[in-house]
Each structure stands twice: as C-alpha cells, then as structure tokens.
Protein backbone atom coordinates (compact mmCIF):
# COMPACT_ATOMS: atom_id res chain seq x y z
CA MET A 1 73.37 139.15 56.03
CA GLN A 2 76.98 139.34 55.04
CA PRO A 3 79.76 138.13 57.29
CA THR A 4 81.71 140.91 58.86
CA THR A 5 85.46 141.07 58.94
CA THR A 6 85.49 140.20 62.64
CA GLU A 7 83.79 136.82 62.15
CA PRO A 8 86.91 135.05 60.83
CA THR A 9 88.92 136.56 63.67
CA ILE A 10 86.43 135.37 66.26
CA ILE A 11 86.29 131.89 64.72
CA GLY A 12 90.07 131.71 64.61
CA ALA A 13 90.35 132.84 68.22
CA ALA A 14 87.75 130.27 69.27
CA GLU A 15 89.68 127.52 67.48
CA GLN A 16 92.93 128.61 69.09
CA GLY A 17 91.21 128.69 72.46
CA ALA A 18 89.86 125.19 71.92
CA GLU A 19 93.35 123.96 70.95
CA GLN A 20 94.85 125.54 74.07
CA ILE A 21 92.18 123.95 76.27
CA GLU A 22 92.84 120.57 74.65
CA LYS A 23 96.58 120.95 75.17
CA LEU A 24 96.18 122.00 78.81
CA SER A 25 93.75 119.15 79.40
CA GLY A 26 96.25 116.66 78.00
CA ASN A 27 99.04 118.12 80.15
CA ALA A 28 96.86 117.95 83.25
CA GLN A 29 95.99 114.31 82.56
CA GLU A 30 99.67 113.44 82.10
CA THR A 31 100.50 115.14 85.39
CA VAL A 32 97.72 113.29 87.21
CA ASN A 33 98.95 109.99 85.75
CA ARG A 34 102.54 110.68 86.85
CA VAL A 35 101.43 111.59 90.36
CA ALA A 36 99.21 108.49 90.57
CA ASP A 37 102.05 106.26 89.37
CA ALA A 38 104.51 107.78 91.85
CA THR A 39 102.00 107.42 94.68
CA ALA A 40 101.29 103.79 93.81
CA ALA A 41 105.02 103.03 93.73
CA ARG A 42 105.51 104.66 97.13
CA VAL A 43 102.61 102.71 98.63
CA ARG A 44 104.08 99.46 97.29
CA ASP A 45 107.47 100.35 98.81
CA LEU A 46 105.89 101.13 102.17
CA GLY A 47 103.92 97.89 102.04
CA MET A 48 107.07 95.89 101.40
CA LYS A 49 108.89 97.68 104.24
CA GLY A 50 105.95 97.01 106.55
CA GLU A 51 105.96 93.33 105.62
CA LYS A 52 109.70 93.14 106.25
CA MET A 53 109.29 94.76 109.67
CA ARG A 54 106.43 92.39 110.52
CA GLN A 55 108.57 89.40 109.58
CA GLN A 56 111.48 90.69 111.68
CA TRP A 57 109.14 91.12 114.65
CA MET A 58 107.79 87.60 114.21
CA ASP A 59 111.35 86.23 114.07
CA THR A 60 112.33 88.15 117.22
CA GLN A 61 109.20 86.95 118.99
CA GLU A 62 110.00 83.34 118.08
CA GLN A 63 113.54 83.77 119.44
CA TRP A 64 112.23 85.16 122.73
CA VAL A 65 109.73 82.34 123.13
CA GLY A 66 112.44 79.78 122.30
CA SER A 67 114.80 81.33 124.85
CA ALA A 68 112.08 81.33 127.51
CA ARG A 69 111.31 77.67 126.83
CA GLU A 70 114.98 76.73 127.09
CA TYR A 71 115.30 78.60 130.38
CA VAL A 72 112.19 76.97 131.85
CA ARG A 73 113.40 73.51 130.78
CA GLY A 74 116.85 74.15 132.20
CA HIS A 75 115.71 75.79 135.43
CA PRO A 76 112.21 74.54 136.30
CA ILE A 77 112.30 75.39 140.02
CA ALA A 78 113.68 78.88 139.43
CA SER A 79 111.03 79.43 136.73
CA VAL A 80 108.22 78.54 139.12
CA ALA A 81 109.73 80.78 141.81
CA ILE A 82 109.97 83.68 139.36
CA ALA A 83 106.36 83.14 138.25
CA VAL A 84 105.14 83.10 141.86
CA GLY A 85 107.13 86.25 142.65
CA VAL A 86 105.77 88.11 139.63
CA GLY A 87 102.26 86.98 140.52
CA LEU A 88 102.60 88.26 144.10
CA LEU A 89 104.03 91.55 142.87
CA LEU A 90 101.19 92.05 140.38
CA SER A 91 98.68 91.12 143.09
CA ARG A 92 100.07 93.78 145.42
CA LEU A 93 100.13 96.41 142.66
CA THR A 94 96.54 95.77 141.61
CA SER A 95 95.02 95.32 145.09
CA ARG A 96 92.91 98.21 146.38
CA GLN A 97 94.34 98.77 149.83
C-alpha cells in the first residue's frame, strides 16, 4: 500500500496539535504555580497580621489586669463593695422570680 498525499498532512497536523497541547499545558502549569505562590504569600501575610493582633490583645489584656490589681490594692474596701454589688445584681438578673 502506498502512502497517500494526505498522510504527511495528517502527520504534520497531529505534530502541530501535540506541540500546541504541550505549549498550553506548560502555560497552564505556570499559571497554577503563580496562583499557588500568590495564595501562599497572602496566607503568610494574614497569619502575620493575625499574630500581631493576638499579641496586641494579649498586651491590652495584661494592661487591664494590671490596672485592676492596682485599683484593688489602692481601694480594697471599695473593691469588695463593688464585687458584692455586682454579685447581688447578677443574682437578681439570674433568679427565676
């Protein structure tokens, strides 16, 4: 059987198609890598911001506790009176009458 004149054309088209698929595949992989890198960078940034916010909250909490301790040491009777008052108020709010 002799090759027809369309065989070289079909083979050439198949090779071109394979080259195009390879090129598109490479482009798709590059795009996926860029998106993955950008996403990882954004996650790292958010993690650092979250850590900074956590540290700020811990610092604020320490300041509040320190202020409360200073107040209780400076005004022990008033502190006990405030605690009793808050306790009575909470008792009234939570009682079922």
